[in-house]
Protein backbone atom coordinates (compact mmCIF):
# COMPACT_ATOMS: atom_id res chain seq x y z
CA MET A 1 17.31 -0.86 -10.70
CA ALA A 2 16.95 -1.89 -7.15
CA ASP A 3 20.02 -0.92 -4.40
CA THR A 4 21.69 -4.29 -4.02
CA ALA A 5 22.96 -2.96 -0.84
CA LEU A 6 19.39 -3.00 0.63
CA PRO A 7 18.37 -6.36 2.43
CA ALA A 8 16.19 -8.58 0.49
CA PRO A 9 12.39 -8.85 1.44
CA GLY A 10 12.12 -11.42 4.27
CA SER A 11 15.65 -11.60 4.96
CA THR A 12 15.75 -10.33 8.57
CA SER A 13 14.71 -12.19 11.58
CA ARG A 14 11.70 -9.70 12.15
CA THR A 15 10.49 -10.24 8.51
CA ARG A 16 11.18 -13.85 7.62
CA VAL A 17 7.95 -15.54 6.77
CA ARG A 18 7.35 -18.46 8.85
CA ARG A 19 3.70 -19.33 8.19
CA ILE A 20 3.71 -21.02 4.54
CA PRO A 21 7.11 -19.72 3.84
CA GLU A 22 6.91 -20.87 0.32
CA LYS A 23 4.73 -17.81 -0.48
CA SER A 24 7.44 -15.42 0.55
CA VAL A 25 9.02 -13.24 -2.00
CA GLY A 26 12.56 -12.25 -1.69
CA ASP A 27 12.60 -9.93 -5.27
CA ARG A 28 12.94 -6.43 -4.44
CA ALA A 29 11.13 -5.73 -7.89
CA VAL A 30 8.10 -7.48 -6.68
CA LEU A 31 8.31 -5.25 -3.46
CA HIS A 32 8.11 -2.28 -5.68
CA ALA A 33 5.38 -3.73 -7.92
CA VAL A 34 3.21 -4.38 -4.98
CA LEU A 35 3.53 -0.91 -3.40
CA ASP A 36 3.21 0.68 -6.93
CA ALA A 37 0.01 -1.06 -7.55
CA GLY A 38 -1.65 -0.08 -4.17
CA LEU A 39 -3.66 2.98 -3.28
CA VAL A 40 -3.98 2.73 0.27
CA ALA A 41 -1.25 1.61 3.11
CA HIS A 42 -2.08 0.92 6.78
CA VAL A 43 0.29 2.34 9.19
CA ALA A 44 0.41 0.91 12.75
CA VAL A 45 1.59 2.81 15.75
CA THR A 46 1.62 2.52 19.63
CA ASP A 47 0.63 5.39 21.79
CA ASP A 48 2.20 6.08 25.40
CA ASP A 49 -0.20 3.90 26.94
CA GLY A 50 0.89 0.77 25.01
CA GLN A 51 -2.64 1.08 22.74
CA PRO A 52 -1.95 0.01 19.36
CA TYR A 53 -3.85 1.99 16.47
CA VAL A 54 -3.81 1.42 12.50
CA LEU A 55 -3.95 4.18 10.39
CA PRO A 56 -5.19 4.24 6.66
CA VAL A 57 -3.19 6.51 4.57
CA ALA A 58 -2.66 7.54 0.75
CA TYR A 59 0.78 6.79 -0.23
CA ALA A 60 3.45 6.44 -2.94
CA ARG A 61 6.44 4.69 -3.41
CA ASP A 62 9.38 7.19 -4.19
CA GLY A 63 12.51 4.86 -5.20
CA GLU A 64 13.41 3.08 -1.88
CA ARG A 65 11.15 4.62 0.42
CA VAL A 66 7.31 5.13 0.83
CA LEU A 67 5.67 8.76 1.48
CA PHE A 68 2.45 9.34 3.09
CA HIS A 69 1.03 12.22 5.05
CA GLY A 70 -1.23 13.37 7.73
CA SER A 71 -2.28 16.42 10.00
CA THR A 72 0.11 18.07 12.38
CA GLY A 73 -2.89 18.08 14.70
CA SER A 74 -3.16 14.33 14.57
CA ARG A 75 -1.69 13.00 17.99
CA LEU A 76 -0.67 9.57 16.27
CA PHE A 77 1.08 11.16 13.33
CA ARG A 78 3.08 13.33 15.64
CA LEU A 79 4.34 10.09 17.46
CA LEU A 80 5.17 8.96 14.06
CA ALA A 81 6.77 12.10 13.28
CA ASP A 82 8.92 11.67 16.83
CA GLY A 83 10.25 8.27 15.49
CA ARG A 84 7.87 5.90 17.04
CA PRO A 85 8.30 2.27 15.51
CA THR A 86 5.87 1.52 13.00
CA CYS A 87 4.69 -1.10 10.44
CA LEU A 88 3.29 0.04 7.13
CA THR A 89 1.38 -2.60 5.19
CA VAL A 90 -0.25 -2.61 1.66
CA THR A 91 -2.49 -5.67 0.73
CA LEU A 92 -3.97 -6.48 -2.84
CA LEU A 93 -6.66 -8.85 -2.97
CA ASP A 94 -6.80 -10.68 -6.31
CA GLY A 95 -9.23 -13.33 -5.86
CA LEU A 96 -11.24 -16.01 -3.68
CA VAL A 97 -9.86 -19.50 -3.79
CA LEU A 98 -12.73 -21.87 -3.48
CA ALA A 99 -11.56 -25.29 -2.01
CA ARG A 100 -13.65 -28.50 -1.35
CA SER A 101 -13.17 -27.80 2.55
CA ALA A 102 -13.58 -24.72 4.78
CA PHE A 103 -10.14 -24.82 6.12
CA GLU A 104 -8.37 -24.74 2.64
CA SER A 105 -10.55 -22.20 1.24
CA SER A 106 -8.65 -18.93 0.99
CA MET A 107 -7.66 -16.08 -1.04
CA HIS A 108 -5.04 -14.71 -3.75
CA TYR A 109 -3.35 -11.85 -2.65
CA ARG A 110 0.15 -9.91 -2.81
CA GLY A 111 0.96 -8.17 0.43
CA ALA A 112 4.05 -6.12 1.48
CA MET A 113 5.16 -4.95 4.96
CA VAL A 114 7.47 -2.41 5.79
CA LEU A 115 9.14 -2.04 9.19
CA GLY A 116 11.06 0.95 10.55
CA ARG A 117 10.77 4.61 11.76
CA ALA A 118 9.56 7.46 9.52
CA GLU A 119 11.26 10.86 8.94
CA VAL A 120 9.54 14.05 8.65
CA LEU A 121 10.13 16.00 5.35
CA ASP A 122 11.14 19.87 5.65
CA GLU A 123 8.45 22.34 3.59
CA THR A 124 10.25 21.77 0.23
CA ALA A 125 10.84 18.00 0.27
CA ALA A 126 7.03 17.75 1.66
CA GLU A 127 5.66 19.89 -1.16
CA ALA A 128 7.70 17.60 -3.91
CA ALA A 129 6.54 14.49 -1.83
CA LEU A 130 2.94 15.52 -2.00
CA ARG A 131 3.15 15.85 -5.77
CA THR A 132 4.37 12.27 -5.93
CA ILE A 133 1.58 11.13 -3.80
CA SER A 134 -0.73 13.01 -6.20
CA ASP A 135 0.72 11.60 -9.36
CA HIS A 136 0.52 8.11 -7.95
CA LEU A 137 -3.12 8.49 -7.06
CA LEU A 138 -4.31 11.02 -9.64
CA PRO A 139 -1.88 10.84 -12.53
CA GLY A 140 -1.85 14.24 -14.53
CA ARG A 141 -4.14 16.02 -11.95
CA TRP A 142 -1.27 18.12 -10.17
CA ASP A 143 -0.79 20.37 -13.15
CA ASP A 144 -4.44 21.35 -13.21
CA ILE A 145 -4.97 22.18 -9.53
CA ARG A 146 -3.87 24.63 -7.12
CA PRO A 147 -0.92 23.58 -5.21
CA PRO A 148 -0.77 23.48 -1.35
CA SER A 149 -0.45 26.94 0.31
CA ARG A 150 2.01 27.62 2.89
CA LYS A 151 -0.58 27.57 5.51
CA GLU A 152 -1.85 24.12 4.20
CA LEU A 153 1.83 22.89 4.07
CA ALA A 154 2.29 23.92 7.53
CA ALA A 155 -0.78 21.98 8.72
CA THR A 156 0.54 18.72 7.08
CA LEU A 157 3.10 16.32 8.27
CA VAL A 158 4.61 14.48 5.37
CA LEU A 159 6.59 11.33 6.52
CA ALA A 160 9.12 9.05 4.59
CA LEU A 161 9.52 5.40 5.58
CA PRO A 162 12.53 3.63 4.00
CA LEU A 163 12.32 0.36 2.45
CA GLN A 164 14.98 -1.00 4.74
CA GLU A 165 13.47 -3.81 6.33
CA THR A 166 10.43 -5.39 4.29
CA SER A 167 8.69 -8.63 3.64
CA VAL A 168 6.76 -9.71 0.61
CA LYS A 169 4.08 -12.66 0.30
CA VAL A 170 2.22 -13.86 -2.59
CA SER A 171 -0.48 -16.40 -2.81
CA ASP A 172 -1.75 -17.12 -6.58
CA GLY A 173 -1.86 -20.99 -6.54
CA PRO A 174 -4.94 -23.40 -6.90
CA PRO A 175 -6.61 -24.87 -3.97
CA ASP A 176 -4.54 -26.86 -1.65
CA ASP A 177 -7.25 -29.62 -1.14
CA ALA A 178 -6.67 -32.70 1.13
CA ALA A 179 -6.37 -35.98 -0.67
CA GLU A 180 -9.57 -36.98 0.80
CA ASP A 181 -11.42 -34.09 -0.33
CA LEU A 182 -10.90 -34.22 -4.15
CA ASP A 183 -13.50 -36.70 -4.96
CA ARG A 184 -16.20 -34.59 -3.06
CA PRO A 185 -19.14 -33.81 -5.66
CA VAL A 186 -18.24 -29.98 -5.33
CA TRP A 187 -16.61 -27.34 -7.80
CA GLY A 188 -13.39 -26.26 -6.87
CA GLY A 189 -11.10 -23.38 -8.28
CA HIS A 190 -10.73 -19.79 -7.73
CA VAL A 191 -12.99 -16.38 -8.68
CA PRO A 192 -10.62 -13.59 -9.85
CA ILE A 193 -11.06 -9.98 -8.08
CA ARG A 194 -10.53 -7.12 -10.42
CA GLU A 195 -10.73 -3.43 -9.47
CA GLN A 196 -11.60 -0.77 -11.98
CA PHE A 197 -12.54 2.75 -12.32
CA GLY A 198 -15.87 3.96 -13.36
CA THR A 199 -17.39 6.55 -15.32
CA PRO A 200 -16.55 9.98 -14.05
CA VAL A 201 -19.26 12.17 -12.09
CA PRO A 202 -19.06 15.72 -12.37
CA ASP A 203 -20.17 17.97 -9.47
CA ALA A 204 -22.45 20.91 -10.00
CA ARG A 205 -19.38 23.06 -11.42
CA GLY A 206 -17.60 20.32 -12.91
CA ALA A 207 -20.57 19.74 -15.40
CA VAL A 208 -19.52 22.82 -17.43
CA HIS A 209 -15.93 21.50 -18.09
CA PRO A 210 -15.05 18.38 -19.99
CA VAL A 211 -13.68 15.47 -18.25
CA PRO A 212 -9.76 15.62 -18.66
CA ASP A 213 -7.95 13.30 -21.10
CA TYR A 214 -5.71 12.08 -18.31
CA VAL A 215 -8.93 11.08 -16.37
CA ARG A 216 -10.21 8.99 -19.36
CA ARG A 217 -6.66 7.22 -19.60
CA TRP A 218 -6.86 6.14 -15.66
CA THR A 219 -7.04 2.35 -15.67
CA ARG A 220 -6.78 -0.43 -12.94
């Protein structure tokens, strides 16, 4: 159950959707669903010279926070670890919308945005967080593989960003054609986009072992 003490998505001055506000969603369950469906997030950070960067990261939602990790050798991750303000986004592309004009042609999408400052997890919490990320990306895999060594944990920054200030936007409707375009002799509608896993491909050593059942059960 969502924590009702947390602000609803889009309820702060910084997260209120101003462009097409009817696409804004204030339900935290939808926020959770978008984050749970994604595999890659993009995290923004600005360096000391004011240059913005956007980093793609593997992530997982853990209750009311997002977990992600990077190298201790990364200048940008060290800035995040030091509490530099950030914006994390996840976008799911669900389809292409074919309107009868170029201007109204668009996409079906679900997007989440999280503003805040990340905190660094200590070694014990970091290992648990890495398992959470693995379970999100590769369900069932953690129990088969070697866990991180102390040296590997020391080389990894694991960060947690609270879902305190968030925004969710969903677009899933039909083309919004202008009235004067409706009689144009051209097809209109939408084309769904679906993501799926392919057939597992073994490496040279993997070929001597069967594909794990948990991998066969993965679906998108």
